[in-house]
Protein backbone atom coordinates (compact mmCIF):
# COMPACT_ATOMS: atom_id res chain seq x y z
CA MET A 1 -6.71 17.39 1.53
CA SER A 2 -3.24 15.88 1.68
CA ILE A 3 -2.81 12.31 0.50
CA ILE A 4 -0.55 10.23 2.75
CA ARG A 5 1.35 7.48 1.01
CA VAL A 6 3.27 4.97 3.10
CA GLY A 7 5.25 2.12 1.59
CA THR A 8 8.62 0.40 1.40
CA SER A 9 11.75 0.88 -0.65
CA GLY A 10 11.50 -1.98 -3.13
CA TRP A 11 9.21 -4.99 -3.12
CA ASN A 12 11.36 -7.80 -4.53
CA TYR A 13 13.86 -9.39 -2.12
CA PRO A 14 13.95 -13.07 -3.11
CA SER A 15 17.40 -14.06 -1.81
CA GLY A 16 19.88 -13.61 1.00
CA ARG A 17 19.42 -14.00 4.75
CA GLY A 18 16.98 -11.12 4.71
CA LYS A 19 14.68 -12.37 1.95
CA TRP A 20 10.95 -11.70 2.13
CA ASP A 21 9.83 -15.14 0.96
CA GLY A 22 8.22 -17.01 3.80
CA VAL A 23 7.85 -13.81 5.83
CA PHE A 24 5.77 -11.29 3.87
CA TYR A 25 5.35 -13.42 0.75
CA PRO A 26 4.43 -17.11 0.85
CA PRO A 27 7.38 -19.51 0.55
CA ARG A 28 8.29 -20.04 -3.10
CA ARG A 29 7.85 -23.80 -2.87
CA GLY A 30 4.38 -23.33 -1.43
CA ARG A 31 2.93 -20.97 -4.00
CA SER A 32 1.93 -21.08 -7.60
CA THR A 33 4.30 -19.88 -10.31
CA ALA A 34 1.64 -17.32 -11.22
CA PHE A 35 2.03 -15.55 -7.85
CA ASP A 36 2.56 -11.83 -8.44
CA GLU A 37 4.62 -10.18 -5.70
CA LEU A 38 3.88 -6.64 -6.87
CA ALA A 39 0.13 -7.24 -7.00
CA PHE A 40 0.27 -8.81 -3.52
CA TYR A 41 2.32 -5.88 -2.21
CA ALA A 42 -0.18 -3.40 -3.71
CA GLU A 43 -2.95 -4.99 -1.66
CA HIS A 44 -1.13 -3.71 1.44
CA PHE A 45 0.32 -0.33 0.44
CA ASN A 46 -0.59 2.45 -1.99
CA THR A 47 2.96 3.29 -3.05
CA VAL A 48 6.42 1.79 -3.48
CA GLU A 49 9.85 3.26 -4.05
CA VAL A 50 11.65 1.64 -6.98
CA ASN A 51 15.34 0.96 -6.39
CA SER A 52 16.07 -1.20 -9.44
CA THR A 53 16.22 1.89 -11.69
CA PHE A 54 19.36 2.96 -9.82
CA TYR A 55 21.23 -0.03 -11.25
CA GLY A 56 19.85 0.15 -14.80
CA GLN A 57 17.81 2.52 -16.92
CA PRO A 58 14.05 1.88 -16.67
CA ARG A 59 12.44 0.19 -19.65
CA ALA A 60 8.98 1.18 -20.86
CA ALA A 61 7.90 -2.43 -21.40
CA VAL A 62 8.66 -3.18 -17.75
CA THR A 63 7.11 -0.07 -16.23
CA ARG A 64 3.99 -0.57 -18.36
CA ARG A 65 3.57 -4.00 -16.77
CA TRP A 66 4.02 -2.45 -13.33
CA ALA A 67 1.18 -0.06 -14.05
CA GLU A 68 -1.02 -2.89 -15.30
CA ARG A 69 -0.40 -5.05 -12.22
CA THR A 70 -1.36 -2.41 -9.66
CA PRO A 71 -4.73 -0.86 -8.79
CA ARG A 72 -5.91 2.60 -9.66
CA GLY A 73 -4.38 5.21 -7.37
CA PHE A 74 -1.17 3.26 -6.71
CA GLU A 75 2.03 5.27 -7.21
CA PHE A 76 5.66 4.44 -7.94
CA SER A 77 8.42 6.76 -6.81
CA VAL A 78 11.46 6.04 -8.97
CA LYS A 79 15.11 6.39 -8.03
CA LEU A 80 17.29 8.04 -10.66
CA TYR A 81 19.86 5.95 -12.52
CA GLN A 82 23.24 5.92 -10.76
CA LYS A 83 24.93 7.65 -13.70
CA PHE A 84 23.08 10.84 -12.68
CA THR A 85 23.89 10.76 -8.96
CA HIS A 86 26.86 8.39 -8.42
CA PRO A 87 29.22 9.06 -11.35
CA GLY A 88 32.20 7.60 -9.47
CA MET A 89 30.38 4.31 -8.89
CA PHE A 90 29.26 4.21 -12.50
CA GLU A 91 32.78 4.95 -13.74
CA ASN A 92 34.22 2.12 -11.63
CA ARG A 93 31.70 -0.26 -13.18
CA LEU A 94 32.76 0.87 -16.62
CA ARG A 95 36.43 0.39 -15.82
CA ARG A 96 35.80 -3.18 -14.72
CA SER A 97 33.81 -3.97 -17.87
CA LEU A 98 36.10 -2.15 -20.34
CA GLY A 99 39.37 -3.47 -18.99
CA ASP A 100 42.36 -1.56 -20.40
CA ALA A 101 40.41 1.28 -21.98
CA PRO A 102 42.05 4.73 -21.59
CA ALA A 103 41.07 6.42 -18.34
CA ASP A 104 40.00 9.66 -20.02
CA ALA A 105 37.75 7.76 -22.42
CA VAL A 106 36.08 5.91 -19.54
CA ALA A 107 35.58 9.17 -17.64
CA GLU A 108 33.93 10.70 -20.71
CA LEU A 109 31.58 7.75 -21.08
CA ALA A 110 30.60 8.08 -17.42
CA ARG A 111 29.29 11.63 -17.85
CA PRO A 112 25.48 11.86 -18.14
CA THR A 113 24.23 12.99 -21.53
CA ALA A 114 21.00 14.35 -22.96
CA ALA A 115 20.47 10.91 -24.49
CA ASP A 116 20.70 9.33 -21.02
CA LEU A 117 18.06 11.74 -19.73
CA ASP A 118 15.78 11.00 -22.67
CA GLU A 119 16.18 7.26 -22.12
CA PHE A 120 15.17 7.60 -18.48
CA ARG A 121 12.13 9.70 -19.37
CA ARG A 122 11.02 7.19 -22.01
CA GLY A 123 11.38 4.40 -19.48
CA ILE A 124 9.03 6.01 -16.96
CA ASP A 125 6.53 7.34 -19.51
CA PRO A 126 4.04 4.47 -18.97
CA LEU A 127 3.88 5.32 -15.26
CA ALA A 128 3.33 9.01 -15.98
CA GLU A 129 0.72 8.28 -18.64
CA SER A 130 -1.22 5.99 -16.30
CA GLY A 131 -1.17 8.53 -13.48
CA LYS A 132 0.95 6.20 -11.34
CA LEU A 133 4.23 8.12 -11.23
CA GLY A 134 5.01 9.56 -7.82
CA ALA A 135 8.30 11.38 -7.29
CA LEU A 136 11.73 10.97 -8.85
CA LEU A 137 14.34 10.34 -6.17
CA ALA A 138 17.79 11.82 -6.71
CA GLN A 139 19.77 10.08 -3.97
CA PHE A 140 23.34 11.34 -3.69
CA PRO A 141 26.13 9.54 -1.82
CA ALA A 142 27.54 10.73 1.49
CA SER A 143 30.67 11.80 -0.44
CA PHE A 144 28.68 14.38 -2.44
CA LYS A 145 29.68 17.59 -0.66
CA SER A 146 28.36 21.09 -1.19
CA GLY A 147 30.58 23.14 -3.48
CA ASP A 148 30.16 25.45 -6.45
CA ALA A 149 30.48 22.66 -9.02
CA GLU A 150 28.21 20.30 -7.07
CA ARG A 151 25.54 22.94 -6.55
CA ALA A 152 25.58 23.86 -10.23
CA TYR A 153 25.29 20.21 -11.22
CA LEU A 154 22.42 19.60 -8.81
CA ALA A 155 20.47 22.59 -10.12
CA GLU A 156 21.06 21.46 -13.70
CA LEU A 157 19.90 17.92 -12.94
CA ILE A 158 16.69 19.12 -11.31
CA ARG A 159 15.98 21.43 -14.24
CA ALA A 160 16.49 18.51 -16.60
CA PHE A 161 13.46 16.88 -15.00
CA THR A 162 11.22 19.95 -15.04
CA GLY A 163 7.60 18.84 -14.97
CA TYR A 164 8.31 15.92 -12.61
CA ALA A 165 8.16 15.90 -8.82
CA VAL A 166 11.85 15.67 -7.88
CA ALA A 167 13.01 14.73 -4.38
CA VAL A 168 16.69 15.24 -3.50
CA GLU A 169 18.46 13.19 -0.83
CA LEU A 170 21.65 14.81 0.44
CA ARG A 171 23.70 13.18 3.19
CA HIS A 172 26.82 15.25 3.85
CA LYS A 173 26.76 17.91 6.59
CA SER A 174 28.16 20.56 4.23
CA TRP A 175 24.65 20.91 2.78
CA SER A 176 23.06 21.58 6.17
CA ASP A 177 26.00 23.78 7.24
CA ASP A 178 24.79 26.11 4.46
CA PHE A 179 21.14 25.44 5.23
CA GLY A 180 19.85 28.67 3.73
CA GLY A 181 21.82 28.28 0.52
CA THR A 182 20.70 24.68 0.03
CA LEU A 183 17.11 25.65 0.71
CA ASP A 184 17.33 28.48 -1.83
CA LEU A 185 18.73 26.09 -4.46
CA LEU A 186 15.99 23.48 -3.98
CA ASN A 187 13.16 25.98 -3.66
CA ALA A 188 14.20 27.76 -6.86
CA GLU A 189 13.70 24.69 -9.05
CA PRO A 190 11.59 23.55 -7.03
CA ALA A 191 12.49 20.20 -5.50
CA ALA A 192 11.67 18.56 -2.19
CA TRP A 193 14.50 18.13 0.30
CA VAL A 194 14.29 14.46 1.34
CA GLN A 195 14.13 14.01 5.11
CA ILE A 196 16.04 10.91 6.20
CA ASP A 197 16.66 8.85 9.30
CA GLU A 198 19.84 6.78 9.39
CA PRO A 199 22.80 6.19 11.73
CA LYS A 200 24.54 9.44 12.63
CA PHE A 201 28.22 10.08 12.00
CA LYS A 202 30.37 13.21 12.28
CA PHE A 203 29.71 14.12 8.63
CA SER A 204 25.98 13.31 8.71
CA ILE A 205 23.56 15.94 7.48
CA LEU A 206 21.37 17.75 10.01
CA GLN A 207 17.67 18.09 9.21
CA ASN A 208 14.66 19.80 10.74
CA TYR A 209 12.03 17.54 9.10
CA LEU A 210 10.05 20.51 7.81
CA PRO A 211 8.66 20.54 4.25
CA ASN A 212 10.37 23.05 1.95
CA VAL A 213 7.80 22.96 -0.88
CA LYS A 214 4.01 22.84 -0.72
CA SER A 215 3.57 20.32 -3.52
CA PHE A 216 4.86 17.26 -1.67
CA TYR A 217 6.91 15.92 1.23
CA TYR A 218 9.32 13.00 1.05
CA MET A 219 10.76 11.01 3.97
CA ARG A 220 12.93 7.88 4.03
CA LEU A 221 13.74 5.71 7.05
CA HIS A 222 16.93 3.68 6.52
CA GLY A 223 17.23 2.12 9.97
CA ARG A 224 19.81 2.79 12.69
CA ASN A 225 22.20 -0.14 12.35
CA ALA A 226 25.37 1.90 12.93
CA ALA A 227 27.54 -1.15 13.63
CA ASN A 228 26.97 -2.62 10.16
CA TRP A 229 26.46 0.58 8.20
CA TRP A 230 29.94 0.87 6.70
CA LYS A 231 31.40 -2.55 7.52
CA HIS A 232 29.28 -5.58 6.66
CA ASP A 233 29.52 -8.98 4.99
CA LYS A 234 26.53 -8.32 2.74
CA SER A 235 25.03 -4.98 1.76
CA GLU A 236 21.66 -6.11 3.14
CA ASP A 237 23.16 -6.28 6.64
CA ARG A 238 23.17 -2.49 7.04
CA TYR A 239 19.35 -2.55 6.75
CA ASP A 240 18.88 -5.17 9.47
CA TYR A 241 17.05 -2.94 11.93
CA LEU A 242 13.52 -2.85 13.28
CA TYR A 243 12.22 0.46 14.60
CA SER A 244 10.27 0.24 17.84
CA ALA A 245 6.80 1.72 18.08
CA GLU A 246 8.23 4.53 20.21
CA GLU A 247 10.93 5.33 17.64
CA LEU A 248 8.35 5.43 14.86
CA LYS A 249 6.05 7.70 16.81
CA GLU A 250 8.32 10.67 16.08
CA PHE A 251 7.99 10.16 12.33
CA SER A 252 4.28 9.46 12.45
CA GLU A 253 3.79 12.73 14.32
CA ILE A 254 5.95 14.55 11.76
CA ALA A 255 3.90 13.01 8.95
CA GLY A 256 0.68 13.97 10.68
CA ALA A 257 1.83 17.58 10.99
CA ALA A 258 3.30 17.77 7.49
CA LYS A 259 0.11 16.58 5.82
CA ALA A 260 -1.54 19.87 6.77
CA LEU A 261 1.18 21.80 4.93
CA VAL A 262 1.59 19.90 1.67
CA LYS A 263 -0.65 18.42 -1.03
CA LYS A 264 0.86 14.95 -0.84
CA MET A 265 3.40 13.13 1.26
CA TYR A 266 5.48 10.01 0.73
CA LEU A 267 7.04 8.03 3.58
CA TYR A 268 9.17 5.01 2.74
CA THR A 269 10.87 2.48 5.00
CA ASN A 270 14.17 1.19 3.62
CA ASN A 271 15.14 -1.19 6.46
CA HIS A 272 14.21 -4.05 4.17
CA PHE A 273 16.07 -6.94 5.85
CA SER A 274 13.63 -9.82 6.37
CA ALA A 275 10.61 -7.57 5.64
CA LYS A 276 11.29 -5.33 8.64
CA SER A 277 10.44 -2.39 6.40
CA VAL A 278 7.01 -3.95 5.80
CA ALA A 279 6.41 -4.27 9.54
CA ASN A 280 7.48 -0.69 10.21
CA ALA A 281 5.43 0.70 7.32
CA ALA A 282 2.38 -1.14 8.67
CA MET A 283 3.07 0.23 12.16
CA ILE A 284 3.29 3.78 10.79
CA LYS A 285 -0.02 3.31 9.00
CA GLN A 286 -1.60 2.25 12.27
CA GLN A 287 -0.12 5.20 14.14
CA LEU A 288 -1.57 7.49 11.46
CA ASP A 289 -4.96 5.77 11.81
CA GLU A 290 -4.65 4.42 8.28
CA PRO A 291 -6.32 1.00 7.86
CA LEU A 292 -4.20 -2.10 7.29
CA THR A 293 -5.29 -3.81 4.09
CA GLY A 294 -4.31 -7.09 2.47
CA GLU A 295 -3.45 -10.43 3.97
CA TYR A 296 -0.56 -10.95 6.39
CA LEU A 297 0.78 -14.46 6.74
CA GLU A 298 0.85 -16.20 10.10
CA THR A 299 4.65 -16.24 9.85
CA PHE A 300 4.67 -12.46 9.59
CA ARG A 301 2.26 -12.09 12.53
CA LYS A 302 4.42 -14.23 14.79
CA ARG A 303 7.65 -12.49 13.80
CA PHE A 304 6.21 -8.99 14.20
CA PRO A 305 3.67 -9.01 17.04
CA GLN A 306 4.14 -5.22 17.17
CA VAL A 307 1.85 -5.06 14.12
CA VAL A 308 -1.64 -5.58 15.51
CA ILE A 309 -3.60 -7.29 12.76
CA GLU A 310 -7.25 -8.06 13.14
CA ASP A 311 -8.39 -11.61 12.42
CA GLN A 312 -8.95 -12.24 8.73
CA PRO A 313 -11.97 -14.05 7.31
CA ALA A 314 -11.55 -17.76 6.63
CA SER A 315 -11.68 -17.08 2.91
CA GLU A 316 -8.50 -15.02 3.26
CA THR A 317 -6.60 -17.22 5.67
CA SER A 318 -7.10 -20.18 3.33
CA ARG A 319 -5.85 -18.31 0.30
CA PHE A 320 -2.45 -20.00 0.46
CA ASN A 321 -2.22 -23.73 1.04
CA PHE A 322 1.28 -24.90 1.99
């Protein structure tokens, strides 16, 4: 039987206009310093997609604590470090930090090495050892186009993580223009082709939402805020979008159909602004007839009446005293 896992992309959003404090989590000034956001999150969902590993290599001491703070059966899907998927972004960071260093030297430092791969593996070992590692997400930028060099690099990267469940997110239409070739590349390794929903532009990839491997299925919902996708004051603004129940129905139906074809499926909501991803993940669970677990604050209930939450026992509603 397929195991459906629904969660959000990230769980820690403590600042900005779209912070989760006071919406999904209790206000910081009204809770104890011992409050554990991850443990609270894990009361509601059985998986989470980790984005912090994109900005820095995972550390075993940190991932071990993640495993310890979550219940049995919880899974973390982990995004690959940006050096593996966004070399241009990583090189620009290096240039800013190294100042007047020679351009060729910076470019050489930006290339992924076997040591980088080993460091990433060591960082996620505690999750794998505890049985809490989901998939590895290789998310490529929209500028990553299909070409001989790019296809060779992608195949090499997937092979470097043989033994892990690898999900590949491609965004440029050149990959779907050669649908058969891309499918052959991913199936040969094998790796799951990530199905995404996001604003559509002339170069956007086309997808059929069908699973390409039997081992697992991976879907990400980024929101449809086209107006703020490329031009925004803060990066969080592009994720300021709440799917309606009707919009989500398409993906719930896809998930319901896909679960009969694969062993496991992951569905993550990435429209994280002001915990909108939490609301949409909860709505998807309801549409899939999955029970809502954990406590939802009154603030959350009022902001997202679309999420129909049954009354909680008095012992739960009095858990937080503000």
